[in-house]
PDB file of all heavy atoms in Angstrom:
ATOM      1  N   TYR A   1      75.852 156.420 -60.526  1.00  0.00           N
ATOM      2  CA  TYR A   1      76.638 155.347 -59.907  1.00  0.00           C
ATOM      3  C   TYR A   1      78.119 155.680 -60.002  1.00  0.00           C
ATOM      4  O   TYR A   1      78.575 156.327 -60.963  1.00  0.00           O
ATOM      5  CB  TYR A   1      76.344 154.001 -60.594  1.00  0.00           C
ATOM      6  CG  TYR A   1      74.950 153.513 -60.340  1.00  0.00           C
ATOM      7  CD1 TYR A   1      73.920 153.795 -61.252  1.00  0.00           C
ATOM      8  CD2 TYR A   1      74.614 152.817 -59.195  1.00  0.00           C
ATOM      9  CE1 TYR A   1      72.618 153.377 -61.035  1.00  0.00           C
ATOM     10  CE2 TYR A   1      73.315 152.406 -58.942  1.00  0.00           C
ATOM     11  CZ  TYR A   1      72.333 152.668 -59.875  1.00  0.00           C
ATOM     12  OH  TYR A   1      71.043 152.275 -59.642  1.00  0.00           O
ATOM     13  N   LYS A   2      78.849 155.212 -59.016  1.00  0.00           N
ATOM     14  CA  LYS A   2      80.286 155.482 -58.926  1.00  0.00           C
ATOM     15  C   LYS A   2      81.042 154.713 -60.009  1.00  0.00           C
ATOM     16  O   LYS A   2      80.793 153.530 -60.226  1.00  0.00           O
ATOM     17  CB  LYS A   2      80.810 155.077 -57.539  1.00  0.00           C
ATOM     18  CG  LYS A   2      82.263 155.445 -57.289  1.00  0.00           C
ATOM     19  CD  LYS A   2      82.656 155.086 -55.882  1.00  0.00           C
ATOM     20  CE  LYS A   2      84.124 155.446 -55.610  1.00  0.00           C
ATOM     21  NZ  LYS A   2      84.355 156.889 -55.756  1.00  0.00           N
ATOM     22  N   PHE A   3      81.967 155.394 -60.661  1.00  0.00           N
ATOM     23  CA  PHE A   3      82.748 154.748 -61.727  1.00  0.00           C
ATOM     24  C   PHE A   3      83.990 154.080 -61.134  1.00  0.00           C
ATOM     25  O   PHE A   3      84.572 154.563 -60.177  1.00  0.00           O
ATOM     26  CB  PHE A   3      83.169 155.802 -62.756  1.00  0.00           C
ATOM     27  CG  PHE A   3      84.063 155.260 -63.818  1.00  0.00           C
ATOM     28  CD1 PHE A   3      83.553 154.591 -64.929  1.00  0.00           C
ATOM     29  CD2 PHE A   3      85.435 155.385 -63.708  1.00  0.00           C
ATOM     30  CE1 PHE A   3      84.381 154.075 -65.899  1.00  0.00           C
ATOM     31  CE2 PHE A   3      86.299 154.829 -64.655  1.00  0.00           C
ATOM     32  CZ  PHE A   3      85.749 154.207 -65.767  1.00  0.00           C
ATOM     33  N   ARG A   4      84.351 152.980 -61.772  1.00  0.00           N
ATOM     34  CA  ARG A   4      85.650 152.323 -61.456  1.00  0.00           C
ATOM     35  C   ARG A   4      86.232 151.852 -62.791  1.00  0.00           C
ATOM     36  O   ARG A   4      85.485 151.488 -63.694  1.00  0.00           O
ATOM     37  CB  ARG A   4      85.451 151.176 -60.501  1.00  0.00           C
ATOM     38  CG  ARG A   4      84.630 150.019 -61.047  1.00  0.00           C
ATOM     39  CD  ARG A   4      84.588 148.844 -60.065  1.00  0.00           C
ATOM     40  NE  ARG A   4      83.872 147.716 -60.588  1.00  0.00           N
ATOM     41  CZ  ARG A   4      82.564 147.554 -60.518  1.00  0.00           C
ATOM     42  NH1 ARG A   4      81.820 148.502 -59.935  1.00  0.00           N
ATOM     43  NH2 ARG A   4      81.980 146.484 -61.032  1.00  0.00           N
ATOM     44  N   PRO A   5      87.570 151.892 -62.908  1.00  0.00           N
ATOM     45  CA  PRO A   5      88.194 151.501 -64.176  1.00  0.00           C
ATOM     46  C   PRO A   5      87.810 150.062 -64.568  1.00  0.00           C
ATOM     47  O   PRO A   5      87.700 149.169 -63.737  1.00  0.00           O
ATOM     48  CB  PRO A   5      89.685 151.582 -63.871  1.00  0.00           C
ATOM     49  CG  PRO A   5      89.766 152.586 -62.760  1.00  0.00           C
ATOM     50  CD  PRO A   5      88.531 152.394 -61.932  1.00  0.00           C
ATOM     51  N   GLY A   6      87.570 149.868 -65.846  1.00  0.00           N
ATOM     52  CA  GLY A   6      87.211 148.553 -66.387  1.00  0.00           C
ATOM     53  C   GLY A   6      85.714 148.315 -66.378  1.00  0.00           C
ATOM     54  O   GLY A   6      85.278 147.183 -66.733  1.00  0.00           O
ATOM     55  N   LEU A   7      84.905 149.278 -65.968  1.00  0.00           N
ATOM     56  CA  LEU A   7      83.473 149.080 -65.889  1.00  0.00           C
ATOM     57  C   LEU A   7      82.885 148.899 -67.300  1.00  0.00           C
ATOM     58  O   LEU A   7      83.216 149.640 -68.217  1.00  0.00           O
ATOM     59  CB  LEU A   7      82.832 150.279 -65.199  1.00  0.00           C
ATOM     60  CG  LEU A   7      81.342 150.179 -64.882  1.00  0.00           C
ATOM     61  CD1 LEU A   7      81.087 149.116 -63.833  1.00  0.00           C
ATOM     62  CD2 LEU A   7      80.809 151.543 -64.405  1.00  0.00           C
ATOM     63  N   THR A   8      82.007 147.899 -67.444  1.00  0.00           N
ATOM     64  CA  THR A   8      81.370 147.640 -68.726  1.00  0.00           C
ATOM     65  C   THR A   8      79.859 147.965 -68.655  1.00  0.00           C
ATOM     66  O   THR A   8      79.315 148.205 -67.580  1.00  0.00           O
ATOM     67  CB  THR A   8      81.545 146.160 -69.130  1.00  0.00           C
ATOM     68  OG1 THR A   8      80.859 145.332 -68.167  1.00  0.00           O
ATOM     69  CG2 THR A   8      83.012 145.777 -69.168  1.00  0.00           C
ATOM     70  N   VAL A   9      79.226 147.962 -69.821  1.00  0.00           N
ATOM     71  CA  VAL A   9      77.794 148.244 -69.895  1.00  0.00           C
ATOM     72  C   VAL A   9      77.007 147.191 -69.103  1.00  0.00           C
ATOM     73  O   VAL A   9      76.033 147.523 -68.401  1.00  0.00           O
ATOM     74  CB  VAL A   9      77.338 148.279 -71.386  1.00  0.00           C
ATOM     75  CG1 VAL A   9      75.818 148.300 -71.469  1.00  0.00           C
ATOM     76  CG2 VAL A   9      77.940 149.491 -72.060  1.00  0.00           C
ATOM     77  N   LEU A  10      77.386 145.923 -69.222  1.00  0.00           N
ATOM     78  CA  LEU A  10      76.672 144.876 -68.496  1.00  0.00           C
ATOM     79  C   LEU A  10      76.794 145.071 -67.003  1.00  0.00           C
ATOM     80  O   LEU A  10      75.817 144.878 -66.256  1.00  0.00           O
ATOM     81  CB  LEU A  10      77.208 143.489 -68.898  1.00  0.00           C
ATOM     82  CG  LEU A  10      76.483 142.286 -68.309  1.00  0.00           C
ATOM     83  CD1 LEU A  10      75.023 142.281 -68.719  1.00  0.00           C
ATOM     84  CD2 LEU A  10      77.162 140.982 -68.720  1.00  0.00           C
ATOM     85  N   GLN A  11      77.948 145.464 -66.516  1.00  0.00           N
ATOM     86  CA  GLN A  11      78.113 145.736 -65.080  1.00  0.00           C
ATOM     87  C   GLN A  11      77.289 146.910 -64.636  1.00  0.00           C
ATOM     88  O   GLN A  11      76.751 146.910 -63.525  1.00  0.00           O
ATOM     89  CB  GLN A  11      79.612 145.957 -64.786  1.00  0.00           C
ATOM     90  CG  GLN A  11      80.463 144.698 -64.915  1.00  0.00           C
ATOM     91  CD  GLN A  11      81.938 145.014 -64.797  1.00  0.00           C
ATOM     92  OE1 GLN A  11      82.386 146.107 -65.054  1.00  0.00           O
ATOM     93  NE2 GLN A  11      82.717 144.012 -64.385  1.00  0.00           N
ATOM     94  N   SER A  12      77.178 147.952 -65.481  1.00  0.00           N
ATOM     95  CA  SER A  12      76.334 149.062 -65.132  1.00  0.00           C
ATOM     96  C   SER A  12      74.859 148.649 -65.033  1.00  0.00           C
ATOM     97  O   SER A  12      74.106 149.156 -64.212  1.00  0.00           O
ATOM     98  CB  SER A  12      76.480 150.211 -66.140  1.00  0.00           C
ATOM     99  OG  SER A  12      75.908 149.858 -67.385  1.00  0.00           O
ATOM    100  N   LEU A  13      74.447 147.701 -65.864  1.00  0.00           N
ATOM    101  CA  LEU A  13      73.074 147.158 -65.793  1.00  0.00           C
ATOM    102  C   LEU A  13      72.870 146.475 -64.465  1.00  0.00           C
ATOM    103  O   LEU A  13      71.820 146.611 -63.818  1.00  0.00           O
ATOM    104  CB  LEU A  13      72.814 146.209 -66.973  1.00  0.00           C
ATOM    105  CG  LEU A  13      71.484 145.477 -66.956  1.00  0.00           C
ATOM    106  CD1 LEU A  13      70.315 146.458 -67.029  1.00  0.00           C
ATOM    107  CD2 LEU A  13      71.432 144.467 -68.130  1.00  0.00           C
ATOM    108  N   ALA A  14      73.873 145.681 -64.036  1.00  0.00           N
ATOM    109  CA  ALA A  14      73.766 144.998 -62.751  1.00  0.00           C
ATOM    110  C   ALA A  14      73.742 145.983 -61.591  1.00  0.00           C
ATOM    111  O   ALA A  14      72.998 145.812 -60.619  1.00  0.00           O
ATOM    112  CB  ALA A  14      74.932 144.026 -62.579  1.00  0.00           C
ATOM    113  N   MET A  15      74.524 147.055 -61.673  1.00  0.00           N
ATOM    114  CA  MET A  15      74.524 148.059 -60.591  1.00  0.00           C
ATOM    115  C   MET A  15      73.194 148.757 -60.460  1.00  0.00           C
ATOM    116  O   MET A  15      72.787 149.116 -59.352  1.00  0.00           O
ATOM    117  CB  MET A  15      75.614 149.102 -60.911  1.00  0.00           C
ATOM    118  CG  MET A  15      77.045 148.574 -60.840  1.00  0.00           C
ATOM    119  SD  MET A  15      78.266 149.686 -61.584  1.00  0.00           S
ATOM    120  CE  MET A  15      78.086 151.110 -60.524  1.00  0.00           C
ATOM    121  N   SER A  16      72.484 148.909 -61.582  1.00  0.00           N
ATOM    122  CA  SER A  16      71.173 149.587 -61.520  1.00  0.00           C
ATOM    123  C   SER A  16      70.018 148.622 -61.256  1.00  0.00           C
ATOM    124  O   SER A  16      68.869 149.011 -61.460  1.00  0.00           O
ATOM    125  CB  SER A  16      70.960 150.327 -62.837  1.00  0.00           C
ATOM    126  OG  SER A  16      70.978 149.437 -63.927  1.00  0.00           O
ATOM    127  N   GLY A  17      70.299 147.413 -60.849  1.00  0.00           N
ATOM    128  CA  GLY A  17      69.255 146.493 -60.452  1.00  0.00           C
ATOM    129  C   GLY A  17      68.727 145.584 -61.543  1.00  0.00           C
ATOM    130  O   GLY A  17      67.740 144.856 -61.332  1.00  0.00           O
ATOM    131  N   GLY A  18      69.327 145.623 -62.735  1.00  0.00           N
ATOM    132  CA  GLY A  18      68.854 144.752 -63.815  1.00  0.00           C
ATOM    133  C   GLY A  18      67.702 145.355 -64.603  1.00  0.00           C
ATOM    134  O   GLY A  18      67.264 146.496 -64.318  1.00  0.00           O
ATOM    135  N   PRO A  19      67.198 144.647 -65.584  1.00  0.00           N
ATOM    136  CA  PRO A  19      66.109 145.181 -66.398  1.00  0.00           C
ATOM    137  C   PRO A  19      64.867 145.496 -65.561  1.00  0.00           C
ATOM    138  O   PRO A  19      64.592 144.861 -64.533  1.00  0.00           O
ATOM    139  CB  PRO A  19      65.842 144.059 -67.421  1.00  0.00           C
ATOM    140  CG  PRO A  19      67.098 143.258 -67.433  1.00  0.00           C
ATOM    141  CD  PRO A  19      67.651 143.343 -66.072  1.00  0.00           C
ATOM    142  N   PHE A  20      64.117 146.453 -66.018  1.00  0.00           N
ATOM    143  CA  PHE A  20      62.904 146.893 -65.316  1.00  0.00           C
ATOM    144  C   PHE A  20      61.860 145.788 -65.336  1.00  0.00           C
ATOM    145  O   PHE A  20      61.631 145.162 -66.365  1.00  0.00           O
ATOM    146  CB  PHE A  20      62.381 148.167 -65.961  1.00  0.00           C
ATOM    147  CG  PHE A  20      61.015 148.550 -65.462  1.00  0.00           C
ATOM    148  CD1 PHE A  20      60.873 149.220 -64.266  1.00  0.00           C
ATOM    149  CD2 PHE A  20      59.873 148.245 -66.206  1.00  0.00           C
ATOM    150  CE1 PHE A  20      59.607 149.588 -63.811  1.00  0.00           C
ATOM    151  CE2 PHE A  20      58.612 148.599 -65.755  1.00  0.00           C
ATOM    152  CZ  PHE A  20      58.488 149.256 -64.559  1.00  0.00           C
ATOM    153  N   ARG A  21      61.248 145.592 -64.201  1.00  0.00           N
ATOM    154  CA  ARG A  21      60.080 144.702 -64.102  1.00  0.00           C
ATOM    155  C   ARG A  21      58.956 145.481 -63.397  1.00  0.00           C
ATOM    156  O   ARG A  21      59.213 146.096 -62.373  1.00  0.00           O
ATOM    157  CB  ARG A  21      60.385 143.429 -63.298  1.00  0.00           C
ATOM    158  CG  ARG A  21      61.430 142.534 -63.977  1.00  0.00           C
ATOM    159  CD  ARG A  21      60.878 141.928 -65.265  1.00  0.00           C
ATOM    160  NE  ARG A  21      61.831 141.028 -65.880  1.00  0.00           N
ATOM    161  CZ  ARG A  21      62.736 141.385 -66.767  1.00  0.00           C
ATOM    162  NH1 ARG A  21      62.842 142.682 -67.129  1.00  0.00           N
ATOM    163  NH2 ARG A  21      63.577 140.527 -67.289  1.00  0.00           N
ATOM    164  N   GLU A  22      57.802 145.442 -63.936  1.00  0.00           N
ATOM    165  CA  GLU A  22      56.698 146.233 -63.415  1.00  0.00           C
ATOM    166  C   GLU A  22      56.427 146.000 -61.954  1.00  0.00           C
ATOM    167  O   GLU A  22      56.212 146.906 -61.170  1.00  0.00           O
ATOM    168  CB  GLU A  22      55.439 146.005 -64.264  1.00  0.00           C
ATOM    169  CG  GLU A  22      54.273 146.890 -63.831  1.00  0.00           C
ATOM    170  CD  GLU A  22      53.070 146.642 -64.700  1.00  0.00           C
ATOM    171  OE1 GLU A  22      53.150 145.866 -65.648  1.00  0.00           O
ATOM    172  OE2 GLU A  22      51.999 147.230 -64.378  1.00  0.00           O
ATOM    173  N   LYS A  23      56.501 144.753 -61.535  1.00  0.00           N
ATOM    174  CA  LYS A  23      56.136 144.433 -60.162  1.00  0.00           C
ATOM    175  C   LYS A  23      57.220 144.899 -59.158  1.00  0.00           C
ATOM    176  O   LYS A  23      56.933 145.094 -58.005  1.00  0.00           O
ATOM    177  CB  LYS A  23      55.909 142.945 -59.995  1.00  0.00           C
ATOM    178  CG  LYS A  23      57.144 142.109 -60.306  1.00  0.00           C
ATOM    179  CD  LYS A  23      56.853 140.623 -60.144  1.00  0.00           C
ATOM    180  CE  LYS A  23      58.093 139.775 -60.454  1.00  0.00           C
ATOM    181  NZ  LYS A  23      57.797 138.325 -60.282  1.00  0.00           N
ATOM    182  N   SER A  24      58.475 145.070 -59.665  1.00  0.00           N
ATOM    183  CA  SER A  24      59.526 145.481 -58.769  1.00  0.00           C
ATOM    184  C   SER A  24      59.737 146.982 -58.729  1.00  0.00           C
ATOM    185  O   SER A  24      60.528 147.504 -57.973  1.00  0.00           O
ATOM    186  CB  SER A  24      60.859 144.827 -59.156  1.00  0.00           C
ATOM    187  OG  SER A  24      61.237 145.245 -60.460  1.00  0.00           O
TER     188      SER A  24
END
């Protein structure tokens, strides 16, 4: 994923679609 200044771990989680769910 593309980096931008000020990026946090939580924002990286949102960029990657959130926690894994088996059905998704």
